[in-house]
Amino acid sequence: MNRKKCFVITGASSGLGKALKDFLISETHHFVVSLSRRAEPEDISTERIWFSYCDLASLDNTDVIKDICDKYQDEDIIYINNAATILPLHGVGCFKDDELAAYFKTNVEAPVRLINELVALKKKGLTVLNISSGAAKRAISHWSLYCSAKAAVNMFCDVLAIDRPEVIVRNIDPGVINTRMQSQIRESNIPDLQIFADLSGNDQLKEPIDAAREILIDFV
C-alpha cells in the first residue's frame, strides 16, 4: 500500500470538489481536508477526513494553511485548487465595481494567497493541482471574469513550477462536468446559451465522480 498522503480540496461541499472528496474517502486510504465555505449537516470529521472552513470571499488571513501543515507535517500534501464561481455572466461594460472586486477576491486573490502560504510552509512533499478550464485559453462572450480569473491562476501556477521546481504543479482541465455551474450557465442569457443547453440535452456532460477519478488516478 502506498504511503498515506493528505489531499486538501477547496470547494469540497458540492460539485467536482465533493466528488474528489468522496472518491478519496471511498476508494483510497489517504487523508482528506475538506476546505469549504460553511459547514454541511453531514460534515463529521474522522481520523481520515478533517472538515475545515474558510470563506474565500472574505479571506482575511491564511492561518488555515498553517493549521493544515502542522497537522500533516509528516505527510505529502496534494493541494487541489478547485473552488471557483462563474457568476456574474455579463458583457464587458455591465459590471458593477463591487461585483468585480468580490469576483477577483474569491477566484484569484484567495487561491493565490493560500497557495503562496502553502509553498512558504511546506518545504518538501508538495503537489499543487489547479482545476483549470478551457476558458483559460479561449475567450467566450460574457465570460470575461471567469476566463480571465482562470487564466490568471493558470499563469501563477506556471510560474510557481519555475520558481519552485521541487513542487509538483499541474493545471488540469477536467472537461465539461454536470455540476451546478453548468445549470447556472443554462439559466443565463449568454449568446452561446444553446451550445451549453445542447451539451446537457445530448448527455455530453461528464459526471463529477468520473472526472474526479480521472484527475486523481495518477496521484493516489
Protein backbone atom coordinates (compact mmCIF):
# COMPACT_ATOMS: atom_id res chain seq x y z
CA MET A 1 0.00 0.00 0.00
CA ASN A 2 1.29 3.47 -0.90
CA ARG A 3 2.35 5.83 1.87
CA LYS A 4 -0.57 7.95 3.09
CA LYS A 5 -0.85 11.45 1.67
CA CYS A 6 -3.05 14.39 2.62
CA PHE A 7 -5.35 15.79 -0.06
CA VAL A 8 -6.59 19.32 0.62
CA ILE A 9 -9.61 20.27 -1.52
CA THR A 10 -11.16 23.72 -1.77
CA GLY A 11 -14.87 23.91 -2.57
CA ALA A 12 -15.39 20.34 -1.39
CA SER A 13 -19.03 20.67 -0.37
CA SER A 14 -20.54 20.33 -3.85
CA GLY A 15 -19.89 19.53 -7.50
CA LEU A 16 -16.45 18.35 -8.55
CA GLY A 17 -14.96 19.16 -5.15
CA LYS A 18 -17.42 16.85 -3.39
CA ALA A 19 -16.76 14.13 -5.97
CA LEU A 20 -12.99 14.43 -5.36
CA LYS A 21 -13.59 14.15 -1.62
CA ASP A 22 -15.96 11.19 -1.98
CA PHE A 23 -13.61 9.33 -4.32
CA LEU A 24 -10.66 9.73 -1.95
CA ILE A 25 -12.63 8.58 1.10
CA SER A 26 -14.37 5.63 -0.58
CA GLU A 27 -11.64 4.34 -2.91
CA THR A 28 -8.31 5.23 -1.29
CA HIS A 29 -6.65 5.16 2.15
CA HIS A 30 -5.39 8.76 2.11
CA PHE A 31 -6.25 11.67 4.42
CA VAL A 32 -8.56 14.43 3.21
CA VAL A 33 -9.00 18.03 4.31
CA SER A 34 -12.30 19.42 3.05
CA LEU A 35 -11.87 23.18 2.84
CA SER A 36 -15.30 24.71 2.33
CA ARG A 37 -17.12 27.97 2.97
CA ARG A 38 -19.60 26.64 5.50
CA ALA A 39 -20.48 23.51 7.44
CA GLU A 40 -22.92 20.99 5.99
CA PRO A 41 -25.08 18.68 8.14
CA GLU A 42 -23.11 15.61 7.02
CA ASP A 43 -19.71 17.14 7.90
CA ILE A 44 -18.32 14.86 10.60
CA SER A 45 -14.56 14.81 10.98
CA THR A 46 -12.95 11.40 11.46
CA GLU A 47 -9.40 10.04 11.57
CA ARG A 48 -9.24 10.30 7.76
CA ILE A 49 -11.20 13.45 6.95
CA TRP A 50 -10.98 16.87 8.55
CA PHE A 51 -13.61 19.48 7.75
CA SER A 52 -12.17 22.99 7.87
CA TYR A 53 -13.95 26.19 6.90
CA CYS A 54 -12.62 29.17 5.01
CA ASP A 55 -14.74 31.71 3.13
CA LEU A 56 -12.68 32.72 0.10
CA ALA A 57 -14.95 35.71 -0.48
CA SER A 58 -13.90 37.28 2.82
CA LEU A 59 -10.48 35.75 3.35
CA ASP A 60 -8.59 37.94 5.82
CA ASN A 61 -5.82 35.52 6.83
CA THR A 62 -4.30 32.23 5.76
CA ASP A 63 -3.98 30.61 9.19
CA VAL A 64 -5.89 27.59 7.92
CA ILE A 65 -2.84 26.64 5.84
CA LYS A 66 -0.57 26.73 8.88
CA ASP A 67 -3.03 24.51 10.74
CA ILE A 68 -3.01 22.01 7.87
CA CYS A 69 0.79 21.97 7.61
CA ASP A 70 1.10 21.48 11.36
CA LYS A 71 -1.42 18.64 11.44
CA TYR A 72 0.02 16.85 8.39
CA GLN A 73 3.69 17.73 8.72
CA ASP A 74 4.74 14.09 8.17
CA GLU A 75 2.61 13.53 5.06
CA ASP A 76 2.99 14.72 1.48
CA ILE A 77 0.29 17.30 0.74
CA ILE A 78 -1.66 17.42 -2.51
CA TYR A 79 -3.47 20.74 -2.65
CA ILE A 80 -6.38 20.86 -5.10
CA ASN A 81 -7.44 24.38 -6.05
CA ASN A 82 -10.98 23.60 -7.10
CA ALA A 83 -13.29 26.30 -5.68
CA ALA A 84 -14.46 28.81 -8.29
CA THR A 85 -17.55 30.77 -9.24
CA ILE A 86 -18.77 31.73 -12.70
CA LEU A 87 -21.39 34.38 -11.91
CA PRO A 88 -21.90 37.17 -12.84
CA LEU A 89 -22.10 36.49 -16.58
CA HIS A 90 -22.34 39.94 -18.22
CA GLY A 91 -20.92 41.66 -21.23
CA VAL A 92 -17.93 43.89 -20.56
CA GLY A 93 -19.15 47.33 -19.51
CA CYS A 94 -22.05 45.95 -17.46
CA PHE A 95 -20.25 45.02 -14.24
CA LYS A 96 -20.53 46.97 -11.02
CA ASP A 97 -17.33 47.79 -9.15
CA ASP A 98 -18.30 45.71 -6.12
CA GLU A 99 -19.01 42.72 -8.36
CA LEU A 100 -15.54 42.94 -9.87
CA ALA A 101 -13.82 43.29 -6.51
CA ALA A 102 -15.72 40.37 -5.00
CA TYR A 103 -15.17 38.13 -8.01
CA PHE A 104 -11.42 38.52 -8.20
CA LYS A 105 -11.02 38.26 -4.42
CA THR A 106 -12.71 34.86 -4.48
CA ASN A 107 -11.34 33.48 -7.73
CA VAL A 108 -7.82 34.94 -7.94
CA GLU A 109 -6.65 36.64 -4.75
CA ALA A 110 -7.78 33.90 -2.36
CA PRO A 111 -6.29 30.91 -4.21
CA VAL A 112 -3.05 32.79 -4.87
CA ARG A 113 -2.70 33.71 -1.20
CA LEU A 114 -3.46 30.18 0.00
CA ILE A 115 -1.05 28.55 -2.44
CA ASN A 116 1.63 31.12 -1.64
CA GLU A 117 1.32 30.37 2.08
CA LEU A 118 1.37 26.63 1.46
CA VAL A 119 4.56 26.86 -0.62
CA ALA A 120 6.18 29.00 2.09
CA LEU A 121 5.39 26.50 4.85
CA LYS A 122 5.61 23.09 3.14
CA LYS A 123 9.27 22.78 2.21
CA LYS A 124 9.06 19.32 0.67
CA GLY A 125 6.43 16.83 -0.43
CA LEU A 126 4.04 19.32 -2.01
CA THR A 127 1.85 18.97 -5.09
CA VAL A 128 -0.48 21.71 -6.38
CA LEU A 129 -3.30 20.63 -8.70
CA ASN A 130 -5.11 23.61 -10.15
CA ILE A 131 -8.51 22.78 -11.62
CA SER A 132 -8.44 24.86 -14.75
CA SER A 133 -10.77 25.20 -17.72
CA GLY A 134 -10.72 25.54 -21.48
CA ALA A 135 -11.98 29.06 -20.74
CA ALA A 136 -8.48 29.94 -19.50
CA LYS A 137 -7.28 29.80 -23.11
CA ARG A 138 -10.41 30.69 -25.09
CA ALA A 139 -12.46 33.89 -25.00
CA ILE A 140 -16.19 33.26 -24.51
CA SER A 141 -18.73 36.04 -24.76
CA HIS A 142 -19.99 37.22 -21.34
CA TRP A 143 -17.38 35.05 -19.58
CA SER A 144 -14.75 37.80 -19.17
CA LEU A 145 -14.43 37.33 -15.41
CA TYR A 146 -14.25 33.54 -15.45
CA CYS A 147 -11.89 33.39 -18.43
CA SER A 148 -9.51 35.99 -17.01
CA ALA A 149 -9.54 34.52 -13.49
CA LYS A 150 -8.78 31.02 -14.75
CA ALA A 151 -6.02 32.36 -16.99
CA ALA A 152 -4.50 34.32 -14.10
CA VAL A 153 -4.35 31.35 -11.73
CA ASN A 154 -3.02 29.14 -14.54
CA MET A 155 -0.14 31.53 -15.09
CA PHE A 156 0.52 31.85 -11.36
CA CYS A 157 0.88 28.08 -11.19
CA ASP A 158 3.08 28.00 -14.32
CA VAL A 159 5.45 30.48 -12.68
CA LEU A 160 5.29 28.54 -9.41
CA ALA A 161 6.59 25.50 -11.28
CA ILE A 162 9.58 27.54 -12.47
CA ASP A 163 10.26 29.27 -9.15
CA ARG A 164 9.95 26.11 -7.08
CA PRO A 165 10.90 23.06 -9.18
CA GLU A 166 10.63 20.86 -6.08
CA VAL A 167 6.85 21.45 -6.10
CA ILE A 168 4.82 19.28 -8.47
CA VAL A 169 2.39 21.60 -10.28
CA ARG A 170 -0.38 20.70 -12.72
CA ASN A 171 -3.06 22.81 -14.42
CA ILE A 172 -5.85 20.32 -15.15
CA ASP A 173 -8.79 20.96 -17.48
CA PRO A 174 -11.38 18.37 -16.39
CA GLY A 175 -13.77 18.99 -19.29
CA VAL A 176 -17.44 19.96 -19.10
CA ILE A 177 -18.97 18.46 -15.96
CA ASN A 178 -22.56 18.03 -14.82
CA THR A 179 -22.48 20.46 -11.88
CA ARG A 180 -24.43 23.43 -10.55
CA MET A 181 -22.12 25.70 -12.57
CA GLN A 182 -23.49 24.22 -15.79
CA SER A 183 -27.03 24.83 -14.54
CA GLN A 184 -26.15 28.45 -13.83
CA ILE A 185 -24.83 28.82 -17.36
CA ARG A 186 -28.03 27.34 -18.82
CA GLU A 187 -30.10 29.71 -16.68
CA SER A 188 -28.22 32.76 -18.00
CA ASN A 189 -28.73 34.77 -21.20
CA ILE A 190 -25.25 34.44 -22.71
CA PRO A 191 -25.03 34.49 -26.53
CA ASP A 192 -23.76 30.87 -26.68
CA LEU A 193 -26.53 29.54 -24.45
CA GLN A 194 -27.71 26.92 -26.97
CA ILE A 195 -24.31 25.25 -27.04
CA PHE A 196 -24.50 24.55 -23.32
CA ALA A 197 -28.15 23.53 -23.49
CA ASP A 198 -27.25 21.00 -26.19
CA LEU A 199 -24.41 19.55 -24.11
CA SER A 200 -26.90 18.79 -21.36
CA GLY A 201 -29.69 17.72 -23.66
CA ASN A 202 -27.41 15.32 -25.55
CA ASP A 203 -25.93 13.77 -22.40
CA GLN A 204 -22.47 15.13 -23.19
CA LEU A 205 -21.70 16.31 -19.65
CA LYS A 206 -19.19 14.30 -17.65
CA GLU A 207 -20.37 13.05 -14.27
CA PRO A 208 -18.40 14.54 -11.36
CA ILE A 209 -17.24 11.20 -9.95
CA ASP A 210 -15.83 10.19 -13.36
CA ALA A 211 -13.97 13.49 -13.64
CA ALA A 212 -12.66 13.08 -10.09
CA ARG A 213 -11.30 9.62 -10.83
CA GLU A 214 -9.54 10.88 -13.98
CA ILE A 215 -7.95 13.79 -12.09
CA LEU A 216 -6.73 11.75 -9.13
CA ILE A 217 -5.72 8.45 -10.67
CA ASP A 218 -2.05 9.44 -11.11
CA PHE A 219 -1.73 10.82 -7.57
CA VAL A 220 -3.27 8.14 -5.35
